[in-house]
Amino acid sequence: MKKLVVFLPIFLCTACGSMSSSKGQQHQMELSLHKVRTEVEEIKHDLNTSEIEHHIIEGKLIDQEQTIATLKKQVAELKSGKLDSFVEELQTLDRKLQQISKKQEKIVTDIRQLSTHANDTTTALSQYKDKIAQFEKAIHAQNEQLKQISQIKDGISKLTISPKTYTVRPGDSLEKIARTHGTTVETLKEHNQMDSDLIVVDQVLQLP
């Protein structure tokens, strides 16, 4: 009976200590689980943010590609259509200039002929004066045309097409740039006198 009385307090103390230790472990596990959940939520948030930034970058890239396509189309139109029309207009103006020169030679010839016959009669003299007035009017009009032709020629002579360039951006490569602009890596390297495929950000490349 004395042994039982002695053993019972010891058992109770041991059980209490075990329960206290179990609660401490459970609390520690709950803290760890809460920390893990918090880290998972942070990772999810970072992932969502990265996806949003990725979509924004993709949108900007699409806009840039559309802008480049528009510029390429404009340059192609300028090369194929507008420049050819300027050349044709210049040729037309040259032909008109030749025609005017021939007319001037004819006018000079007519004036000389009228001068020869001016003394024959008063009627001939009157006609001669009328012809002279018409010739002067025609010469004045031709001078105005020559002035306009000269101005147009000056304007056309100032027409220049600037070479197209591309500034390297982060993530670019020669292959990507060549594919975007419809050319090859070798052509880009040859056009820019490059010995390797190495490019750096903000480097300006000449496009063929």
Protein backbone atom coordinates (compact mmCIF):
# COMPACT_ATOMS: atom_id res chain seq x y z
CA MET A 1 0.00 0.00 0.00
CA LYS A 2 2.85 2.41 0.72
CA LYS A 3 4.47 1.52 -2.61
CA LEU A 4 1.30 2.40 -4.48
CA VAL A 5 1.02 5.74 -2.74
CA VAL A 6 4.63 6.58 -3.60
CA PHE A 7 4.29 5.46 -7.24
CA LEU A 8 1.08 7.42 -7.97
CA PRO A 9 2.61 10.93 -7.52
CA ILE A 10 5.58 9.95 -9.64
CA PHE A 11 3.25 8.71 -12.43
CA LEU A 12 1.19 11.89 -12.28
CA CYS A 13 4.30 14.07 -12.55
CA THR A 14 5.59 12.06 -15.50
CA ALA A 15 2.21 12.29 -17.31
CA CYS A 16 1.99 16.03 -16.73
CA GLY A 17 5.52 16.54 -18.09
CA SER A 18 4.71 14.46 -21.17
CA MET A 19 1.50 16.42 -21.88
CA SER A 20 3.35 19.74 -21.48
CA SER A 21 6.06 18.61 -23.89
CA SER A 22 3.45 17.43 -26.42
CA LYS A 23 1.66 20.81 -26.31
CA GLY A 24 4.97 22.61 -26.83
CA GLN A 25 5.75 20.48 -29.86
CA GLN A 26 2.27 21.04 -31.26
CA HIS A 27 2.63 24.80 -30.80
CA GLN A 28 6.02 24.71 -32.48
CA MET A 29 4.56 22.75 -35.40
CA GLU A 30 1.70 25.25 -35.74
CA LEU A 31 4.19 28.11 -35.87
CA SER A 32 6.25 26.32 -38.50
CA LEU A 33 3.13 25.55 -40.54
CA HIS A 34 2.04 29.20 -40.34
CA LYS A 35 5.48 30.32 -41.49
CA VAL A 36 5.42 27.90 -44.42
CA ARG A 37 1.94 29.09 -45.42
CA THR A 38 3.09 32.72 -45.25
CA GLU A 39 6.10 31.94 -47.45
CA VAL A 40 3.85 30.11 -49.95
CA GLU A 41 1.52 33.12 -50.13
CA GLU A 42 4.49 35.42 -50.71
CA ILE A 43 5.76 33.15 -53.50
CA LYS A 44 2.29 33.14 -55.10
CA HIS A 45 2.19 36.94 -54.92
CA ASP A 46 5.65 37.25 -56.47
CA LEU A 47 4.64 34.78 -59.20
CA ASN A 48 1.49 36.77 -60.02
CA THR A 49 3.52 39.98 -60.12
CA SER A 50 6.05 38.38 -62.46
CA GLU A 51 3.28 37.15 -64.76
CA ILE A 52 1.75 40.65 -64.91
CA GLU A 53 5.14 42.19 -65.72
CA HIS A 54 5.68 39.51 -68.36
CA HIS A 55 2.36 40.36 -70.03
CA ILE A 56 3.21 44.08 -69.94
CA ILE A 57 6.60 43.42 -71.57
CA GLU A 58 4.96 41.23 -74.21
CA GLY A 59 2.50 44.05 -74.97
CA LYS A 60 5.32 46.56 -75.35
CA LEU A 61 7.20 44.15 -77.61
CA ILE A 62 4.13 43.71 -79.82
CA ASP A 63 3.73 47.50 -80.04
CA GLN A 64 7.38 47.88 -80.99
CA GLU A 65 7.08 45.17 -83.65
CA GLN A 66 4.02 46.90 -85.10
CA THR A 67 5.87 50.23 -85.13
CA ILE A 68 8.85 48.62 -86.87
CA ALA A 69 6.54 47.00 -89.43
CA THR A 70 4.89 50.37 -90.11
CA LEU A 71 8.27 52.07 -90.55
CA LYS A 72 9.44 49.30 -92.90
CA LYS A 73 6.27 49.72 -94.95
CA GLN A 74 6.76 53.49 -95.15
CA VAL A 75 10.40 53.09 -96.23
CA ALA A 76 9.37 50.49 -98.84
CA GLU A 77 6.69 52.84 -100.18
CA LEU A 78 9.19 55.69 -100.30
CA LYS A 79 11.72 53.57 -102.17
CA SER A 80 9.28 51.91 -104.56
CA GLY A 81 6.71 54.63 -105.22
CA LYS A 82 7.39 58.17 -104.07
CA LEU A 83 11.03 58.32 -105.10
CA ASP A 84 10.18 56.91 -108.53
CA SER A 85 7.46 59.54 -108.93
CA PHE A 86 9.97 62.28 -108.06
CA VAL A 87 12.35 60.93 -110.70
CA GLU A 88 9.55 60.81 -113.29
CA GLU A 89 8.54 64.36 -112.39
CA LEU A 90 12.12 65.54 -112.80
CA GLN A 91 12.33 63.87 -116.21
CA THR A 92 9.05 65.53 -117.22
CA LEU A 93 10.40 68.91 -116.11
CA ASP A 94 13.56 68.34 -118.16
CA ARG A 95 11.45 67.58 -121.24
CA LYS A 96 9.42 70.75 -120.66
CA LEU A 97 12.65 72.71 -120.35
CA GLN A 98 13.83 71.38 -123.70
CA GLN A 99 10.50 72.31 -125.28
CA ILE A 100 10.77 75.83 -123.86
CA SER A 101 14.28 76.16 -125.25
CA LYS A 102 13.02 75.16 -128.71
CA LYS A 103 10.17 77.69 -128.44
CA GLN A 104 12.63 80.40 -127.50
CA GLU A 105 14.75 79.59 -130.56
CA LYS A 106 11.64 79.81 -132.75
CA ILE A 107 10.70 83.13 -131.14
CA VAL A 108 14.14 84.53 -131.88
CA THR A 109 13.86 83.36 -135.50
CA ASP A 110 10.41 84.94 -135.86
CA ILE A 111 11.63 88.20 -134.37
CA ARG A 112 14.48 88.33 -136.87
CA GLN A 113 12.12 87.65 -139.74
CA LEU A 114 9.75 90.38 -138.52
CA SER A 115 12.65 92.77 -138.19
CA THR A 116 13.55 92.12 -141.84
CA HIS A 117 10.05 92.89 -143.10
CA ALA A 118 9.19 95.65 -140.59
CA ASN A 119 10.05 98.46 -142.99
CA ASP A 120 7.84 97.19 -145.84
CA THR A 121 4.53 98.64 -144.66
CA THR A 122 2.88 100.32 -141.69
CA THR A 123 0.58 97.33 -141.34
CA ALA A 124 3.55 95.04 -141.13
CA LEU A 125 5.05 97.31 -138.47
CA SER A 126 1.84 97.20 -136.44
CA GLN A 127 1.73 93.45 -136.69
CA TYR A 128 5.37 93.34 -135.72
CA LYS A 129 4.65 95.33 -132.56
CA ASP A 130 1.74 93.05 -131.68
CA LYS A 131 3.91 90.01 -132.22
CA ILE A 132 6.62 91.53 -130.05
CA ALA A 133 4.11 92.10 -127.26
CA GLN A 134 2.92 88.50 -127.53
CA PHE A 135 6.48 87.24 -127.57
CA GLU A 136 7.34 89.29 -124.50
CA LYS A 137 4.29 87.92 -122.74
CA ALA A 138 5.26 84.38 -123.73
CA ILE A 139 8.84 84.95 -122.61
CA HIS A 140 7.60 86.28 -119.26
CA ALA A 141 5.41 83.20 -118.79
CA GLN A 142 8.30 80.92 -119.73
CA ASN A 143 10.57 82.69 -117.29
CA GLU A 144 8.02 82.03 -114.55
CA GLN A 145 7.92 78.35 -115.57
CA LEU A 146 11.71 78.21 -115.51
CA LYS A 147 11.69 79.72 -112.04
CA GLN A 148 9.20 77.10 -110.83
CA ILE A 149 11.22 74.32 -112.45
CA SER A 150 14.36 75.59 -110.72
CA GLN A 151 12.59 75.63 -107.34
CA ILE A 152 11.25 72.10 -107.84
CA LYS A 153 14.71 70.85 -108.86
CA ASP A 154 16.23 72.42 -105.76
CA GLY A 155 13.59 70.73 -103.61
CA ILE A 156 14.17 67.33 -105.23
CA SER A 157 17.96 67.65 -104.95
CA LYS A 158 17.56 68.08 -101.18
CA LEU A 159 15.59 64.82 -100.90
CA THR A 160 17.60 62.32 -98.87
CA ILE A 161 16.70 59.02 -97.26
CA SER A 162 18.40 58.53 -93.90
CA PRO A 163 19.82 55.05 -93.26
CA LYS A 164 17.75 53.00 -90.86
CA THR A 165 19.30 52.05 -87.52
CA TYR A 166 18.35 49.90 -84.52
CA THR A 167 19.42 50.41 -80.90
CA VAL A 168 20.14 47.17 -79.02
CA ARG A 169 17.83 46.53 -76.06
CA PRO A 170 18.13 44.13 -73.12
CA GLY A 171 17.44 40.56 -74.22
CA ASP A 172 18.29 41.23 -77.88
CA SER A 173 20.50 39.00 -80.01
CA LEU A 174 21.70 39.27 -83.58
CA GLU A 175 19.44 36.37 -84.55
CA LYS A 176 16.38 38.05 -82.99
CA ILE A 177 17.17 41.43 -84.59
CA ALA A 178 17.78 39.83 -88.00
CA ARG A 179 14.53 37.86 -87.81
CA THR A 180 12.54 40.96 -86.78
CA HIS A 181 13.89 43.06 -89.65
CA GLY A 182 13.72 40.38 -92.34
CA THR A 183 17.45 39.81 -92.79
CA THR A 184 20.19 37.40 -91.68
CA VAL A 185 22.84 37.44 -88.97
CA GLU A 186 25.62 37.34 -91.56
CA THR A 187 24.14 40.32 -93.40
CA LEU A 188 23.94 42.31 -90.14
CA LYS A 189 27.52 41.44 -89.24
CA GLU A 190 28.77 42.35 -92.70
CA HIS A 191 26.76 45.59 -92.75
CA ASN A 192 28.18 46.63 -89.35
CA GLN A 193 31.71 45.22 -89.90
CA MET A 194 31.38 42.82 -86.96
CA ASP A 195 33.70 39.84 -86.37
CA SER A 196 31.49 38.13 -83.76
CA ASP A 197 27.86 37.81 -82.66
CA LEU A 198 28.52 39.83 -79.50
CA ILE A 199 26.30 42.91 -79.04
CA VAL A 200 25.76 45.23 -76.06
CA VAL A 201 22.79 47.24 -74.82
CA ASP A 202 22.43 50.71 -76.46
CA GLN A 203 24.68 49.65 -79.34
CA VAL A 204 23.46 51.20 -82.61
CA LEU A 205 23.31 48.80 -85.57
CA GLN A 206 22.99 49.84 -89.20
CA LEU A 207 20.16 47.89 -90.88
CA PRO A 208 20.46 46.89 -94.54
